N, C-alpha and C. Protein backbone atom coordinates (compact mmCIF):
# COMPACT_ATOMS: atom_id res chain seq x y z
N ASP A 1 -10.48 -0.99 -3.31
CA ASP A 1 -9.05 -0.43 -2.98
C ASP A 1 -9.81 0.65 -3.35
N GLN A 2 -10.45 1.94 -2.89
CA GLN A 2 -11.33 3.13 -3.86
C GLN A 2 -9.81 4.35 -4.14
N LEU A 3 -9.20 4.16 -2.94
CA LEU A 3 -8.43 5.42 -3.37
C LEU A 3 -7.20 4.93 -4.21
N MET A 4 -6.73 3.39 -4.52
CA MET A 4 -6.19 2.99 -5.53
C MET A 4 -6.76 2.82 -7.13
N LEU A 5 -8.20 2.41 -6.80
CA LEU A 5 -9.00 2.43 -8.17
C LEU A 5 -9.42 4.11 -8.59
N GLY A 6 -9.29 5.08 -8.06
CA GLY A 6 -9.78 6.17 -8.29
C GLY A 6 -8.38 7.00 -9.18
N TYR A 7 -7.63 5.96 -9.00
CA TYR A 7 -6.22 7.10 -10.10
C TYR A 7 -5.92 6.20 -11.26
N ASP A 8 -5.19 6.60 -12.03
CA ASP A 8 -4.34 5.82 -13.03
C ASP A 8 -3.23 5.03 -12.54
N LYS A 9 -2.95 3.91 -12.27
CA LYS A 9 -2.21 3.12 -11.72
C LYS A 9 -0.83 3.91 -12.20
N LYS A 10 -0.37 4.32 -13.44
CA LYS A 10 0.72 5.10 -13.34
C LYS A 10 0.91 6.32 -13.03
N GLU A 11 -0.08 6.86 -12.98
CA GLU A 11 -0.49 8.84 -12.33
C GLU A 11 -0.28 8.31 -10.86
N SER A 12 -0.90 7.56 -9.98
CA SER A 12 -1.06 7.72 -8.84
C SER A 12 -0.47 8.78 -8.12
N LEU A 13 -0.92 9.49 -7.24
CA LEU A 13 -0.48 10.63 -6.41
C LEU A 13 -0.12 9.98 -5.06
N PHE A 14 -0.76 8.02 -5.24
CA PHE A 14 -0.49 7.76 -3.64
C PHE A 14 0.75 6.49 -3.78
N LEU A 15 0.73 6.29 -5.10
CA LEU A 15 1.94 4.81 -4.62
C LEU A 15 2.92 5.13 -6.08
N ASP A 16 4.09 4.59 -5.70
CA ASP A 16 4.73 4.68 -6.36
C ASP A 16 5.08 3.69 -7.54
N ALA A 17 5.55 4.11 -8.92
CA ALA A 17 5.53 3.15 -10.23
C ALA A 17 6.09 2.04 -9.94
N GLU A 18 6.98 1.89 -8.76
CA GLU A 18 8.31 0.71 -8.80
C GLU A 18 7.42 -0.34 -7.61
N ASN A 19 6.08 0.18 -7.37
CA ASN A 19 5.02 -0.91 -6.46
C ASN A 19 4.01 -1.29 -6.68
N VAL A 20 3.34 -0.44 -7.60
CA VAL A 20 2.40 -0.86 -8.90
C VAL A 20 2.00 -2.59 -8.36
N ARG A 21 2.72 -3.46 -9.21
CA ARG A 21 2.66 -4.99 -9.45
C ARG A 21 2.20 -5.66 -7.83
N GLU A 22 3.00 -5.10 -6.74
CA GLU A 22 2.41 -5.22 -5.60
C GLU A 22 1.27 -4.58 -5.20
N VAL A 23 0.71 -3.97 -5.69
CA VAL A 23 -0.85 -3.64 -4.96
C VAL A 23 -1.79 -3.96 -6.09
N PHE A 24 -1.33 -4.01 -7.37
CA PHE A 24 -2.34 -4.47 -8.55
C PHE A 24 -1.81 -5.70 -9.07
N SER A 25 -2.29 -7.50 -9.00
CA SER A 25 -1.95 -8.28 -9.60
C SER A 25 -2.40 -7.94 -10.99
N ARG A 26 -1.27 -9.08 -11.66
CA ARG A 26 -1.65 -9.27 -13.16
C ARG A 26 -3.56 -9.63 -13.49
N ALA A 27 -3.99 -10.54 -12.72
CA ALA A 27 -5.29 -11.02 -12.66
C ALA A 27 -6.03 -10.21 -12.19
N GLY A 28 -5.70 -9.02 -11.75
CA GLY A 28 -7.29 -7.99 -11.82
C GLY A 28 -7.41 -7.60 -9.97
N MET A 29 -6.74 -8.37 -9.39
CA MET A 29 -7.02 -8.18 -7.99
C MET A 29 -6.31 -6.79 -7.62
N VAL A 30 -6.67 -6.32 -6.54
CA VAL A 30 -6.68 -5.13 -6.12
C VAL A 30 -5.75 -5.59 -4.25
N HIS A 31 -4.96 -5.55 -4.11
CA HIS A 31 -4.45 -5.73 -2.51
C HIS A 31 -4.57 -4.81 -1.83
N PRO A 32 -5.63 -5.04 -0.26
CA PRO A 32 -5.25 -4.08 0.37
C PRO A 32 -4.08 -3.64 0.61
N THR A 33 -4.10 -2.05 1.32
CA THR A 33 -2.67 -1.00 1.07
C THR A 33 -2.33 -0.64 2.95
N VAL A 34 -1.18 -0.35 3.31
CA VAL A 34 -0.81 0.37 4.08
C VAL A 34 -0.68 1.81 4.02
N LEU A 35 -1.48 2.65 4.67
CA LEU A 35 -1.15 4.31 3.87
C LEU A 35 -0.38 4.72 5.02
N VAL A 36 0.56 5.23 4.92
CA VAL A 36 1.89 6.10 5.54
C VAL A 36 1.94 7.54 5.32
N ARG A 37 1.73 8.67 6.07
CA ARG A 37 1.83 9.79 5.43
C ARG A 37 1.11 10.44 4.35
N GLY A 38 0.40 9.96 3.97
CA GLY A 38 -0.01 10.33 2.32
C GLY A 38 0.35 9.56 1.19
N LYS A 39 1.36 8.21 1.44
CA LYS A 39 1.47 7.33 0.40
C LYS A 39 1.36 5.95 1.19
N VAL A 40 1.24 5.00 -0.07
CA VAL A 40 1.00 3.64 0.22
C VAL A 40 3.02 3.41 0.04
N CYS A 41 3.16 2.40 1.30
CA CYS A 41 3.75 2.31 1.60
C CYS A 41 4.24 0.13 2.31
N GLY A 42 3.06 -0.34 1.62
CA GLY A 42 2.81 -1.85 1.84
C GLY A 42 1.48 -2.02 1.74
N VAL A 43 1.46 -3.54 1.90
CA VAL A 43 -0.26 -4.13 1.52
C VAL A 43 0.15 -5.46 2.91
N TRP A 44 -1.12 -5.68 3.07
CA TRP A 44 -1.78 -6.46 4.23
C TRP A 44 -2.89 -7.45 4.07
N LYS A 45 -2.30 -8.69 4.30
CA LYS A 45 -4.12 -9.97 4.46
C LYS A 45 -4.22 -10.45 5.66
N ILE A 46 -4.56 -10.94 6.12
CA ILE A 46 -5.17 -11.72 7.49
C ILE A 46 -5.26 -13.12 6.48
N ASN A 47 -4.38 -13.67 7.38
CA ASN A 47 -3.99 -15.16 7.08
C ASN A 47 -4.56 -15.95 8.48
N GLY A 48 -5.69 -16.60 8.23
CA GLY A 48 -6.04 -17.12 9.49
C GLY A 48 -6.94 -16.25 10.57
N ASN A 49 -5.88 -16.48 11.71
CA ASN A 49 -6.35 -15.13 12.66
C ASN A 49 -5.47 -13.91 12.65
N GLN A 50 -4.26 -14.23 11.47
CA GLN A 50 -3.10 -12.87 12.04
C GLN A 50 -3.06 -12.06 10.85
N LEU A 51 -2.55 -10.61 11.70
CA LEU A 51 -3.13 -9.67 10.23
C LEU A 51 -1.71 -10.12 9.99
N GLN A 52 -0.78 -10.09 8.80
CA GLN A 52 0.36 -10.12 8.13
C GLN A 52 0.47 -8.86 7.45
N VAL A 53 1.21 -8.10 7.50
CA VAL A 53 2.24 -6.67 6.83
C VAL A 53 3.06 -6.67 5.85
N ARG A 54 3.22 -6.40 4.80
CA ARG A 54 3.94 -6.54 4.14
C ARG A 54 4.53 -4.90 3.58
N LEU A 55 5.74 -4.92 3.96
CA LEU A 55 6.33 -2.64 3.68
C LEU A 55 6.88 -3.06 2.57
N PHE A 56 7.01 -2.35 2.07
CA PHE A 56 7.72 -2.16 0.58
C PHE A 56 9.19 -1.53 0.96
N ALA A 57 9.33 -0.78 2.29
CA ALA A 57 10.51 -0.60 2.25
C ALA A 57 10.35 -0.14 4.07
N PRO A 58 11.84 0.04 4.45
CA PRO A 58 11.30 0.65 6.58
C PRO A 58 10.77 1.76 6.13
N VAL A 59 10.01 1.76 7.44
CA VAL A 59 9.04 3.24 7.81
C VAL A 59 9.78 3.67 8.73
N GLU A 60 10.13 5.17 8.72
CA GLU A 60 10.46 5.32 10.00
C GLU A 60 9.37 6.51 10.37
N ARG A 61 9.59 6.28 11.67
CA ARG A 61 8.78 7.39 12.78
C ARG A 61 9.20 8.46 12.58
N SER A 62 8.49 9.68 12.93
CA SER A 62 8.55 10.93 13.30
C SER A 62 8.21 10.72 14.46
N ARG A 63 9.68 11.95 14.87
CA ARG A 63 9.26 12.41 16.21
C ARG A 63 7.76 13.45 16.80
N GLY A 64 7.53 12.73 18.22
CA GLY A 64 6.26 12.71 18.33
C GLY A 64 5.37 13.11 17.57
N ASN A 65 4.93 12.18 16.49
CA ASN A 65 4.53 11.98 15.51
C ASN A 65 4.24 10.14 15.46
N ALA A 66 2.55 10.68 15.66
CA ALA A 66 2.17 8.70 15.39
C ALA A 66 2.40 8.56 13.78
N LEU A 67 2.37 7.27 13.57
CA LEU A 67 2.50 6.92 11.95
C LEU A 67 1.06 7.39 11.82
């Protein structure tokens, strides 16, 4: 994911430090991310024919605005 690789992991504008290991594995894999309102809030993967999304924390909807 170019957005994640374009910034130092510890100083990312999009990813909170407590979630770095959720996106960057120790083996060097970068998991695809879910971006909401400019922040990485989870990761996703395709398992068989299903999309699986794992959020780091609940995401609140804004009134009148789409996520």
